């Protein structure tokens, strides 16, 4: 989770202390859909996994991204 928060802080310029698992990607972090896709692609590359498009559109919070990454990484390992 910390890595995701650090990446989001760097990308948005928002201090990482203000970003939590409950921070909303659009409302709180003011990410556009392009920003979200860019960050998801970065996380996928860093973790050598792929989040299905259907799951990406269901990600509303930082915690949602974290949970999806964990789920996909677990599926990749199996």
Protein backbone atom coordinates (compact mmCIF):
# COMPACT_ATOMS: atom_id res chain seq x y z
CA UNK A 1 0.00 0.00 0.00
CA UNK A 2 2.83 2.39 0.88
CA UNK A 3 4.33 2.12 -2.61
CA UNK A 4 1.01 2.99 -4.21
CA UNK A 5 0.56 5.98 -1.91
CA UNK A 6 4.11 7.18 -2.63
CA UNK A 7 3.57 6.86 -6.39
CA UNK A 8 0.27 8.74 -6.17
CA UNK A 9 1.88 11.48 -4.07
CA UNK A 10 4.69 11.88 -6.58
CA UNK A 11 2.29 11.90 -9.53
CA UNK A 12 -0.25 14.31 -8.02
CA UNK A 13 1.98 16.51 -5.88
CA UNK A 14 -0.26 15.80 -2.88
CA UNK A 15 1.73 15.02 0.30
CA UNK A 16 1.67 11.29 0.99
CA UNK A 17 0.50 11.97 4.54
CA UNK A 18 -2.78 13.24 3.07
CA UNK A 19 -3.37 10.12 0.95
CA UNK A 20 -5.05 7.15 2.61
CA UNK A 21 -6.56 3.88 1.43
CA UNK A 22 -9.93 5.64 1.48
CA UNK A 23 -8.82 8.58 -0.69
CA UNK A 24 -11.00 8.78 -3.77
CA UNK A 25 -9.03 8.83 -7.00
CA UNK A 26 -11.20 11.41 -8.75
CA UNK A 27 -12.72 13.48 -5.94
CA UNK A 28 -9.75 13.63 -3.54
CA UNK A 29 -6.73 13.16 -5.80
CA UNK A 30 -8.33 14.84 -8.82
CA UNK A 31 -7.11 12.18 -11.24
CA UNK A 32 -8.55 12.11 -14.73
CA UNK A 33 -9.35 8.84 -16.46
CA UNK A 34 -6.10 9.22 -18.42
CA UNK A 35 -4.16 9.74 -15.18
CA UNK A 36 -5.75 6.62 -13.72
CA UNK A 37 -4.88 4.50 -16.75
CA UNK A 38 -1.31 5.82 -16.72
CA UNK A 39 -0.87 4.95 -13.05
CA UNK A 40 -2.53 1.53 -13.40
CA UNK A 41 -0.19 0.72 -16.30
CA UNK A 42 2.77 1.78 -14.16
CA UNK A 43 1.64 -0.44 -11.27
CA UNK A 44 1.03 -3.37 -13.64
CA UNK A 45 4.53 -3.03 -15.06
CA UNK A 46 6.17 -2.69 -11.65
CA UNK A 47 4.37 -5.75 -10.30
CA UNK A 48 4.47 -7.80 -13.51
CA UNK A 49 0.72 -8.34 -13.54
CA UNK A 50 -2.36 -7.15 -15.40
CA UNK A 51 -5.56 -5.70 -13.97
CA UNK A 52 -8.53 -6.47 -16.23
CA UNK A 53 -10.25 -3.41 -17.72
CA UNK A 54 -13.51 -4.40 -16.02
CA UNK A 55 -11.74 -4.21 -12.65
CA UNK A 56 -10.02 -0.90 -13.41
CA UNK A 57 -13.33 0.87 -13.96
CA UNK A 58 -14.45 -0.37 -10.52
CA UNK A 59 -11.48 1.26 -8.76
CA UNK A 60 -12.69 4.36 -6.93
CA UNK A 61 -10.21 4.57 -4.04
CA UNK A 62 -6.54 3.96 -3.36
CA UNK A 63 -7.57 0.84 -1.44
CA UNK A 64 -9.46 -0.45 -4.48
CA UNK A 65 -6.28 -0.27 -6.57
CA UNK A 66 -4.30 -2.01 -3.84
CA UNK A 67 -6.88 -4.79 -3.48
CA UNK A 68 -7.03 -5.36 -7.25
CA UNK A 69 -3.24 -5.46 -7.53
CA UNK A 70 -3.06 -8.00 -4.70
CA UNK A 71 -5.79 -10.13 -6.27
CA UNK A 72 -4.14 -10.09 -9.70
CA UNK A 73 -0.69 -10.82 -8.29
CA UNK A 74 -2.11 -13.77 -6.36
CA UNK A 75 -3.79 -15.10 -9.52
CA UNK A 76 -0.53 -14.69 -11.46
CA UNK A 77 1.39 -16.66 -8.82
CA UNK A 78 -1.01 -19.60 -8.98
